[in-house]
Protein backbone atom coordinates (compact mmCIF):
# COMPACT_ATOMS: atom_id res chain seq x y z
CA UNK A 1 197.27 105.98 -32.30
CA UNK A 2 195.18 105.30 -29.33
CA UNK A 3 191.94 107.15 -29.23
CA UNK A 4 191.87 110.27 -27.35
CA UNK A 5 190.41 110.14 -23.99
CA UNK A 6 187.19 111.93 -23.62
CA UNK A 7 187.13 114.45 -20.90
CA UNK A 8 185.97 113.04 -17.64
CA UNK A 9 182.43 113.77 -16.74
CA UNK A 10 181.28 114.69 -13.44
CA UNK A 11 178.58 112.82 -11.70
CA UNK A 12 175.67 114.34 -9.94
CA UNK A 13 177.80 114.85 -6.88
CA UNK A 14 180.30 116.69 -8.87
CA UNK A 15 182.88 113.86 -8.99
CA UNK A 16 184.30 113.00 -12.38
CA UNK A 17 184.05 109.35 -13.61
CA UNK A 18 186.92 107.44 -15.20
CA UNK A 19 185.17 105.86 -18.19
CA UNK A 20 188.32 104.33 -19.53
CA UNK A 21 188.84 102.42 -16.34
CA UNK A 22 185.23 101.43 -16.29
CA UNK A 23 185.40 100.25 -19.90
CA UNK A 24 188.58 98.37 -19.12
CA UNK A 25 186.96 96.67 -16.21
CA UNK A 26 183.89 95.85 -18.24
CA UNK A 27 186.09 94.51 -21.01
CA UNK A 28 187.91 92.30 -18.55
CA UNK A 29 184.67 91.14 -17.09
CA UNK A 30 183.43 90.41 -20.60
CA UNK A 31 186.58 88.49 -21.36
CA UNK A 32 186.21 86.57 -18.15
CA UNK A 33 182.59 85.82 -18.97
CA UNK A 34 183.50 84.81 -22.51
CA UNK A 35 186.26 82.60 -21.14
CA UNK A 36 183.82 81.06 -18.73
CA UNK A 37 181.34 80.63 -21.55
CA UNK A 38 184.07 79.02 -23.62
CA UNK A 39 184.92 76.74 -20.74
CA UNK A 40 181.25 75.92 -20.33
CA UNK A 41 180.94 75.25 -24.04
CA UNK A 42 183.99 73.01 -23.87
CA UNK A 43 182.49 71.24 -20.90
CA UNK A 44 179.19 70.99 -22.75
CA UNK A 45 180.95 69.70 -25.84
CA UNK A 46 182.86 67.22 -23.72
CA UNK A 47 179.66 66.19 -22.02
CA UNK A 48 177.97 65.87 -25.37
CA UNK A 49 180.87 63.75 -26.57
CA UNK A 50 180.60 61.64 -23.48
CA UNK A 51 176.85 61.45 -23.94
CA UNK A 52 177.34 60.37 -27.52
CA UNK A 53 179.92 57.86 -26.38
CA UNK A 54 177.60 56.67 -23.66
CA UNK A 55 174.83 56.48 -26.23
CA UNK A 56 177.01 54.40 -28.50
CA UNK A 57 178.04 52.21 -25.61
CA UNK A 58 174.44 51.92 -24.58
CA UNK A 59 173.46 51.02 -28.13
CA UNK A 60 176.29 48.49 -28.25
CA UNK A 61 175.27 47.10 -24.89
CA UNK A 62 171.65 46.94 -26.00
CA UNK A 63 172.72 45.18 -29.18
CA UNK A 64 174.93 42.82 -27.19
CA UNK A 65 172.11 42.33 -24.72
CA UNK A 66 169.74 41.54 -27.55
CA UNK A 67 172.27 39.17 -29.05
CA UNK A 68 172.87 37.57 -25.66
CA UNK A 69 169.14 37.35 -25.07
CA UNK A 70 168.65 35.80 -28.49
CA UNK A 71 171.54 33.44 -27.86
CA UNK A 72 170.08 32.53 -24.49
CA UNK A 73 166.73 31.96 -26.12
CA UNK A 74 168.39 29.72 -28.68
CA UNK A 75 170.30 27.90 -25.96
CA UNK A 76 167.16 27.54 -23.85
CA UNK A 77 165.21 26.37 -26.89
CA UNK A 78 167.94 23.85 -27.78
CA UNK A 79 168.18 22.63 -24.19
CA UNK A 80 164.39 22.37 -24.02
CA UNK A 81 164.36 20.42 -27.28
CA UNK A 82 167.09 18.07 -26.07
CA UNK A 83 165.32 17.65 -22.72
CA UNK A 84 162.05 16.83 -24.44
CA UNK A 85 163.80 14.37 -26.74
CA UNK A 86 165.56 12.73 -23.79
CA UNK A 87 162.33 12.66 -21.80
CA UNK A 88 160.46 11.09 -24.71
CA UNK A 89 163.30 8.63 -25.26
CA UNK A 90 163.39 7.72 -21.58
CA UNK A 91 159.60 7.45 -21.50
CA UNK A 92 159.66 5.13 -24.50
CA UNK A 93 162.50 3.14 -22.94
CA UNK A 94 160.63 2.89 -19.63
CA UNK A 95 157.47 1.73 -21.39
CA UNK A 96 159.50 -0.82 -23.35
CA UNK A 97 161.15 -2.08 -20.17
CA UNK A 98 157.77 -2.24 -18.44
CA UNK A 99 156.45 -4.29 -21.35
CA UNK A 100 159.48 -6.59 -21.15
CA UNK A 101 159.04 -6.99 -17.39
CA UNK A 102 155.35 -7.75 -17.85
CA UNK A 103 156.16 -10.28 -20.58
CA UNK A 104 158.84 -11.86 -18.37
CA UNK A 105 156.37 -12.09 -15.47
CA UNK A 106 153.79 -13.66 -17.75
CA UNK A 107 156.43 -16.10 -19.02
CA UNK A 108 157.37 -16.94 -15.42
CA UNK A 109 153.73 -17.56 -14.55
CA UNK A 110 153.33 -19.67 -17.68
CA UNK A 111 156.48 -21.64 -16.87
CA UNK A 112 155.31 -22.13 -13.28
CA UNK A 113 151.93 -23.29 -14.51
CA UNK A 114 153.61 -25.60 -17.01
CA UNK A 115 155.90 -26.91 -14.29
CA UNK A 116 152.94 -27.47 -11.99
CA UNK A 117 150.99 -29.18 -14.77
CA UNK A 118 154.03 -31.27 -15.69
CA UNK A 119 154.64 -32.14 -12.04
CA UNK A 120 151.02 -33.13 -11.60
CA UNK A 121 151.12 -35.10 -14.84
CA UNK A 122 154.30 -36.89 -13.72
CA UNK A 123 152.80 -37.56 -10.30
CA UNK A 124 149.68 -38.97 -11.95
CA UNK A 125 151.84 -41.05 -14.28
CA UNK A 126 153.93 -42.29 -11.35
CA UNK A 127 150.77 -43.08 -9.39
CA UNK A 128 149.37 -44.99 -12.37
CA UNK A 129 152.65 -46.88 -12.73
CA UNK A 130 152.60 -47.65 -9.01
CA UNK A 131 149.09 -49.01 -9.38
CA UNK A 132 150.20 -51.02 -12.41
CA UNK A 133 153.23 -52.29 -10.51
CA UNK A 134 151.07 -53.33 -7.57
CA UNK A 135 148.61 -55.02 -9.91
CA UNK A 136 151.41 -56.82 -11.73
CA UNK A 137 152.98 -57.75 -8.40
CA UNK A 138 149.68 -59.19 -7.23
CA UNK A 139 149.31 -61.04 -10.53
CA UNK A 140 152.87 -62.35 -10.26
CA UNK A 141 152.23 -63.49 -6.71
CA UNK A 142 148.96 -65.11 -7.77
CA UNK A 143 150.72 -66.74 -10.73
CA UNK A 144 153.52 -67.90 -8.42
CA UNK A 145 151.01 -69.45 -6.05
CA UNK A 146 149.12 -70.92 -8.97
CA UNK A 147 152.34 -72.24 -10.48
CA UNK A 148 153.36 -73.66 -7.11
CA UNK A 149 149.99 -75.39 -6.83
CA UNK A 150 150.28 -76.71 -10.38
CA UNK A 151 153.85 -77.83 -9.76
CA UNK A 152 152.84 -79.52 -6.53
CA UNK A 153 149.98 -81.24 -8.32
CA UNK A 154 152.31 -82.36 -11.12
CA UNK A 155 154.91 -83.55 -8.63
CA UNK A 156 152.27 -85.35 -6.64
CA UNK A 157 151.07 -87.11 -9.77
CA UNK A 158 154.65 -87.92 -10.77
CA UNK A 159 155.34 -89.23 -7.29
CA UNK A 160 152.25 -91.37 -7.45
CA UNK A 161 153.28 -92.76 -10.86
CA UNK A 162 156.84 -93.32 -9.66
CA UNK A 163 155.51 -95.06 -6.57
CA UNK A 164 153.29 -97.27 -8.69
CA UNK A 165 156.20 -98.00 -11.04
CA UNK A 166 158.51 -98.69 -8.13
CA UNK A 167 155.97 -101.02 -6.61
CA UNK A 168 155.71 -102.82 -9.95
CA UNK A 169 159.50 -103.15 -10.10
CA UNK A 170 159.57 -104.50 -6.58
CA UNK A 171 156.99 -107.14 -7.46
CA UNK A 172 158.94 -108.04 -10.59
CA UNK A 173 162.08 -108.41 -8.52
CA UNK A 174 160.32 -110.65 -6.07
CA UNK A 175 159.02 -112.67 -9.00
CA UNK A 176 162.55 -113.06 -10.41
CA UNK A 177 161.88 -110.44 -13.12
CA UNK A 178 164.00 -109.23 -16.01
CA UNK A 179 167.68 -108.50 -15.53
CA UNK A 180 167.31 -105.28 -17.54
CA UNK A 181 165.45 -103.75 -14.59
CA UNK A 182 168.36 -104.38 -12.23
CA UNK A 183 170.02 -100.98 -12.68
CA UNK A 184 166.79 -99.23 -11.83
CA UNK A 185 166.45 -101.37 -8.75
CA UNK A 186 169.99 -100.48 -7.68
CA UNK A 187 169.31 -96.75 -8.31
CA UNK A 188 165.57 -96.22 -8.05
CA UNK A 189 164.11 -93.29 -10.00
CA UNK A 190 162.60 -91.81 -6.85
CA UNK A 191 166.09 -91.39 -5.39
CA UNK A 192 167.23 -89.57 -8.55
CA UNK A 193 164.30 -87.20 -8.24
CA UNK A 194 165.26 -86.49 -4.66
CA UNK A 195 168.65 -85.29 -5.84
CA UNK A 196 166.90 -82.53 -7.80
CA UNK A 197 164.52 -81.91 -4.89
CA UNK A 198 161.54 -82.53 -7.12
CA UNK A 199 160.07 -84.83 -4.50
CA UNK A 200 160.29 -83.85 -0.84
CA UNK A 201 161.93 -86.43 1.42
CA UNK A 202 158.71 -86.69 3.41
CA UNK A 203 156.87 -87.81 0.28
CA UNK A 204 159.00 -90.97 -0.17
CA UNK A 205 157.19 -94.28 -0.15
CA UNK A 206 157.51 -96.21 3.10
CA UNK A 207 159.96 -98.70 1.64
CA UNK A 208 162.31 -95.84 0.42
CA UNK A 209 161.99 -93.66 3.50
CA UNK A 210 164.03 -96.19 5.48
């Protein structure tokens, strides 16, 4: 059974208050407040859940960020290592090429010097040979002149002997001489020498010149 209603009290003005209605209204207000509190708590719980979720996401993102940062550091370190290796390799290669270029330039200079020395040596050798050739030419010319003089002297002596012999044959012929000398008288020796041009025509004795 519902509780009995207490008799209404009168206020100071003499009006009676309805406590049941007031309690009802307070109860409703309390329910509304409790409902609001419940809603707030639900919102708070939802917010807490979201905060926790955000915290987890943040932790995950921080972990991923750390992993990404570490990975980037590793990548940067690897790239730096490779760059340093390539730079050192290129530096060594450049130094090696510079050394090869320097060696090639030195070889070129040496070859040029050798060529110049060889050219000068050949020119000196050619000049010496030219001098030798000129000397030999002069000697040959001198020998030719000397030989010509000797030959002329020999031919002159032979001509003189032939002339003396021819004169002797002529005297023998005039004296009736030996018949064995007849062939020589028909073909004198001086004429035979003329055929070989050993005695110039101008050098003939007067009796043969005619």
